[in-house]
N, C-alpha and C. Protein backbone atom coordinates (compact mmCIF):
# COMPACT_ATOMS: atom_id res chain seq x y z
N UNK A 1 0.84 -1.18 0.00
CA UNK A 1 0.00 0.00 0.00
C UNK A 1 0.88 1.25 0.00
N UNK A 2 0.47 2.25 -0.75
CA UNK A 2 1.24 3.49 -0.87
C UNK A 2 0.97 4.36 0.35
N UNK A 3 2.04 4.85 0.94
CA UNK A 3 1.87 5.70 2.11
C UNK A 3 1.44 7.10 1.68
N UNK A 4 0.99 7.87 2.63
CA UNK A 4 0.51 9.23 2.39
C UNK A 4 1.62 10.12 1.85
N UNK A 5 2.83 9.93 2.33
CA UNK A 5 3.96 10.76 1.87
C UNK A 5 4.23 10.53 0.39
N UNK A 6 4.22 9.29 -0.05
CA UNK A 6 4.44 9.01 -1.46
C UNK A 6 3.31 9.57 -2.32
N UNK A 7 2.09 9.46 -1.83
CA UNK A 7 0.94 9.99 -2.56
C UNK A 7 1.05 11.50 -2.72
N UNK A 8 1.41 12.20 -1.65
CA UNK A 8 1.60 13.65 -1.73
C UNK A 8 2.76 14.02 -2.66
N UNK A 9 3.82 13.22 -2.62
CA UNK A 9 4.96 13.46 -3.51
C UNK A 9 4.54 13.32 -4.97
N UNK A 10 3.78 12.30 -5.30
CA UNK A 10 3.34 12.09 -6.67
C UNK A 10 2.37 13.18 -7.12
N UNK A 11 1.51 13.64 -6.21
CA UNK A 11 0.60 14.73 -6.55
C UNK A 11 1.40 16.00 -6.84
N UNK A 12 2.37 16.31 -6.02
CA UNK A 12 3.21 17.50 -6.23
C UNK A 12 4.01 17.37 -7.53
N UNK A 13 4.49 16.18 -7.81
CA UNK A 13 5.24 15.95 -9.04
C UNK A 13 4.36 16.20 -10.26
N UNK A 14 3.14 15.72 -10.25
CA UNK A 14 2.21 15.94 -11.35
C UNK A 14 1.84 17.41 -11.49
N UNK A 15 1.67 18.11 -10.37
CA UNK A 15 1.38 19.54 -10.42
C UNK A 15 2.54 20.32 -11.02
N UNK A 16 3.76 19.96 -10.65
CA UNK A 16 4.93 20.64 -11.22
C UNK A 16 5.06 20.35 -12.71
N UNK A 17 4.78 19.13 -13.11
CA UNK A 17 4.81 18.78 -14.53
C UNK A 17 3.77 19.59 -15.30
N UNK A 18 2.59 19.73 -14.75
CA UNK A 18 1.56 20.54 -15.36
C UNK A 18 1.96 22.00 -15.47
N UNK A 19 2.64 22.52 -14.45
CA UNK A 19 3.09 23.91 -14.47
C UNK A 19 4.15 24.12 -15.56
N UNK A 20 5.03 23.17 -15.74
CA UNK A 20 6.05 23.27 -16.77
C UNK A 20 5.42 23.24 -18.16
N UNK A 21 4.47 22.37 -18.35
CA UNK A 21 3.79 22.28 -19.64
C UNK A 21 3.01 23.55 -19.92
N UNK A 22 2.29 24.06 -18.93
CA UNK A 22 1.52 25.30 -19.11
C UNK A 22 2.45 26.48 -19.40
N UNK A 23 3.59 26.54 -18.72
CA UNK A 23 4.55 27.62 -18.95
C UNK A 23 5.08 27.57 -20.38
N UNK A 24 5.38 26.38 -20.85
CA UNK A 24 5.91 26.27 -22.21
C UNK A 24 4.86 26.63 -23.25
N UNK A 25 3.60 26.29 -23.00
CA UNK A 25 2.54 26.59 -23.98
C UNK A 25 2.13 28.05 -23.98
N UNK A 26 2.07 28.67 -22.81
CA UNK A 26 1.53 30.02 -22.71
C UNK A 26 2.58 31.11 -22.62
N UNK A 27 3.85 30.76 -22.43
CA UNK A 27 4.90 31.77 -22.35
C UNK A 27 5.96 31.54 -23.42
N UNK A 28 6.54 30.36 -23.47
CA UNK A 28 7.65 30.09 -24.39
C UNK A 28 7.19 30.11 -25.84
N UNK A 29 6.10 29.43 -26.16
CA UNK A 29 5.62 29.36 -27.55
C UNK A 29 5.28 30.74 -28.13
N UNK A 30 4.55 31.61 -27.41
CA UNK A 30 4.31 32.95 -27.96
C UNK A 30 5.59 33.77 -28.14
N UNK A 31 6.56 33.60 -27.24
CA UNK A 31 7.83 34.31 -27.40
C UNK A 31 8.57 33.82 -28.64
N UNK A 32 8.55 32.51 -28.88
CA UNK A 32 9.17 31.97 -30.08
C UNK A 32 8.47 32.49 -31.33
N UNK A 33 7.17 32.59 -31.29
CA UNK A 33 6.42 33.10 -32.44
C UNK A 33 6.77 34.55 -32.70
N UNK A 34 6.87 35.36 -31.65
CA UNK A 34 7.25 36.77 -31.82
C UNK A 34 8.65 36.88 -32.42
N UNK A 35 9.58 36.03 -31.93
CA UNK A 35 10.94 36.06 -32.47
C UNK A 35 10.92 35.68 -33.95
N UNK A 36 10.13 34.68 -34.29
CA UNK A 36 10.04 34.24 -35.69
C UNK A 36 9.46 35.33 -36.57
N UNK A 37 8.48 36.08 -36.07
CA UNK A 37 7.89 37.17 -36.85
C UNK A 37 8.91 38.27 -37.09
N UNK A 38 9.65 38.63 -36.06
CA UNK A 38 10.68 39.67 -36.20
C UNK A 38 11.75 39.24 -37.19
N UNK A 39 12.19 38.01 -37.07
CA UNK A 39 13.22 37.49 -37.98
C UNK A 39 12.70 37.39 -39.41
N UNK A 40 11.45 36.96 -39.56
CA UNK A 40 10.86 36.85 -40.90
C UNK A 40 10.74 38.23 -41.55
N UNK A 41 10.40 39.23 -40.77
CA UNK A 41 10.33 40.60 -41.32
C UNK A 41 11.69 41.04 -41.84
N UNK A 42 12.75 40.70 -41.12
CA UNK A 42 14.11 41.04 -41.56
C UNK A 42 14.45 40.31 -42.86
N UNK A 43 14.11 39.03 -42.92
CA UNK A 43 14.42 38.23 -44.12
C UNK A 43 13.66 38.78 -45.32
N UNK A 44 12.38 39.10 -45.13
CA UNK A 44 11.56 39.63 -46.23
C UNK A 44 12.07 41.00 -46.66
N UNK A 45 12.49 41.82 -45.69
CA UNK A 45 12.99 43.15 -46.03
C UNK A 45 14.28 43.07 -46.84
N UNK A 46 15.15 42.11 -46.49
CA UNK A 46 16.40 41.95 -47.24
C UNK A 46 16.14 41.31 -48.61
N UNK A 47 15.12 40.50 -48.71
CA UNK A 47 14.76 39.88 -49.97
C UNK A 47 15.61 38.68 -50.36
N UNK A 48 16.45 38.21 -49.46
CA UNK A 48 17.25 37.02 -49.77
C UNK A 48 17.48 36.20 -48.50
N UNK A 49 17.76 34.94 -48.72
CA UNK A 49 17.98 34.00 -47.62
C UNK A 49 19.48 33.93 -47.37
N UNK A 50 19.90 34.38 -46.17
CA UNK A 50 21.33 34.34 -45.85
C UNK A 50 21.71 33.07 -45.10
N UNK A 51 20.84 32.64 -44.20
CA UNK A 51 21.12 31.47 -43.39
C UNK A 51 19.99 30.46 -43.62
N UNK A 52 20.29 29.37 -44.29
CA UNK A 52 19.26 28.39 -44.65
C UNK A 52 18.63 27.74 -43.43
N UNK A 53 19.42 27.44 -42.41
CA UNK A 53 18.89 26.82 -41.20
C UNK A 53 17.90 27.75 -40.52
N UNK A 54 18.28 29.03 -40.38
CA UNK A 54 17.41 30.00 -39.74
C UNK A 54 16.13 30.19 -40.55
N UNK A 55 16.25 30.21 -41.86
CA UNK A 55 15.08 30.36 -42.72
C UNK A 55 14.10 29.21 -42.51
N UNK A 56 14.61 27.98 -42.49
CA UNK A 56 13.74 26.82 -42.28
C UNK A 56 13.11 26.84 -40.90
N UNK A 57 13.88 27.24 -39.89
CA UNK A 57 13.39 27.29 -38.52
C UNK A 57 12.28 28.33 -38.38
N UNK A 58 12.50 29.51 -38.92
CA UNK A 58 11.50 30.58 -38.86
C UNK A 58 10.26 30.18 -39.64
N UNK A 59 10.43 29.59 -40.80
CA UNK A 59 9.30 29.16 -41.61
C UNK A 59 8.46 28.12 -40.87
N UNK A 60 9.11 27.19 -40.19
CA UNK A 60 8.40 26.16 -39.43
C UNK A 60 7.63 26.77 -38.27
N UNK A 61 8.25 27.72 -37.57
CA UNK A 61 7.57 28.36 -36.44
C UNK A 61 6.36 29.16 -36.90
N UNK A 62 6.50 29.85 -38.01
CA UNK A 62 5.38 30.63 -38.52
C UNK A 62 4.25 29.73 -39.01
N UNK A 63 4.62 28.60 -39.59
CA UNK A 63 3.61 27.67 -40.11
C UNK A 63 2.78 27.04 -38.98
N UNK A 64 3.39 26.90 -37.80
CA UNK A 64 2.68 26.27 -36.69
C UNK A 64 2.06 27.28 -35.73
N UNK A 65 2.21 28.58 -36.01
CA UNK A 65 1.61 29.61 -35.15
C UNK A 65 0.09 29.57 -35.30
N UNK A 66 -0.58 29.68 -34.20
CA UNK A 66 -2.04 29.61 -34.21
C UNK A 66 -2.65 31.00 -34.02
N UNK A 67 -3.71 31.28 -34.76
CA UNK A 67 -4.48 32.51 -34.63
C UNK A 67 -3.62 33.76 -34.72
N UNK A 68 -2.69 33.78 -35.64
CA UNK A 68 -1.83 34.94 -35.82
C UNK A 68 -1.78 35.26 -37.32
N UNK A 69 -2.52 36.27 -37.71
CA UNK A 69 -2.60 36.62 -39.13
C UNK A 69 -1.28 37.15 -39.66
N UNK A 70 -0.55 37.88 -38.81
CA UNK A 70 0.75 38.40 -39.22
C UNK A 70 1.72 37.26 -39.53
N UNK A 71 1.70 36.23 -38.70
CA UNK A 71 2.55 35.07 -38.93
C UNK A 71 2.17 34.35 -40.22
N UNK A 72 0.88 34.23 -40.47
CA UNK A 72 0.42 33.57 -41.69
C UNK A 72 0.85 34.35 -42.93
N UNK A 73 0.71 35.67 -42.87
CA UNK A 73 1.10 36.52 -44.00
C UNK A 73 2.61 36.42 -44.26
N UNK A 74 3.40 36.48 -43.20
CA UNK A 74 4.85 36.36 -43.37
C UNK A 74 5.24 34.98 -43.86
N UNK A 75 4.54 33.95 -43.40
CA UNK A 75 4.86 32.60 -43.87
C UNK A 75 4.63 32.49 -45.37
N UNK A 76 3.55 33.08 -45.85
CA UNK A 76 3.28 33.06 -47.29
C UNK A 76 4.38 33.79 -48.07
N UNK A 77 4.84 34.91 -47.53
CA UNK A 77 5.92 35.65 -48.20
C UNK A 77 7.22 34.86 -48.20
N UNK A 78 7.50 34.18 -47.10
CA UNK A 78 8.70 33.34 -47.03
C UNK A 78 8.58 32.15 -47.98
N UNK A 79 7.38 31.61 -48.10
CA UNK A 79 7.16 30.47 -48.99
C UNK A 79 7.40 30.88 -50.45
N UNK A 80 7.06 32.11 -50.80
CA UNK A 80 7.32 32.59 -52.15
C UNK A 80 8.82 32.76 -52.40
N UNK A 81 9.59 33.04 -51.34
CA UNK A 81 11.02 33.27 -51.50
C UNK A 81 11.80 31.97 -51.70
N UNK A 82 11.22 30.84 -51.35
CA UNK A 82 11.93 29.55 -51.43
C UNK A 82 12.55 29.34 -52.76
């Protein structure tokens, strides 16, 4: 039988895991999307791809951004540059 201490430890562990997941979804992902938008604006303004890895990374982030019209518009412009 599981003791009360182990049960409390597992509950706290699950709560911390939930907090980490929520932090990554609601803080880290929007920050990555903002970075991708800023970088995509620079790439579009220059009109050429200087770093292929960065271009692919930014394009992927913009493609997976949700409910962001600016990201969708920039993704289309980057897709035309390919």
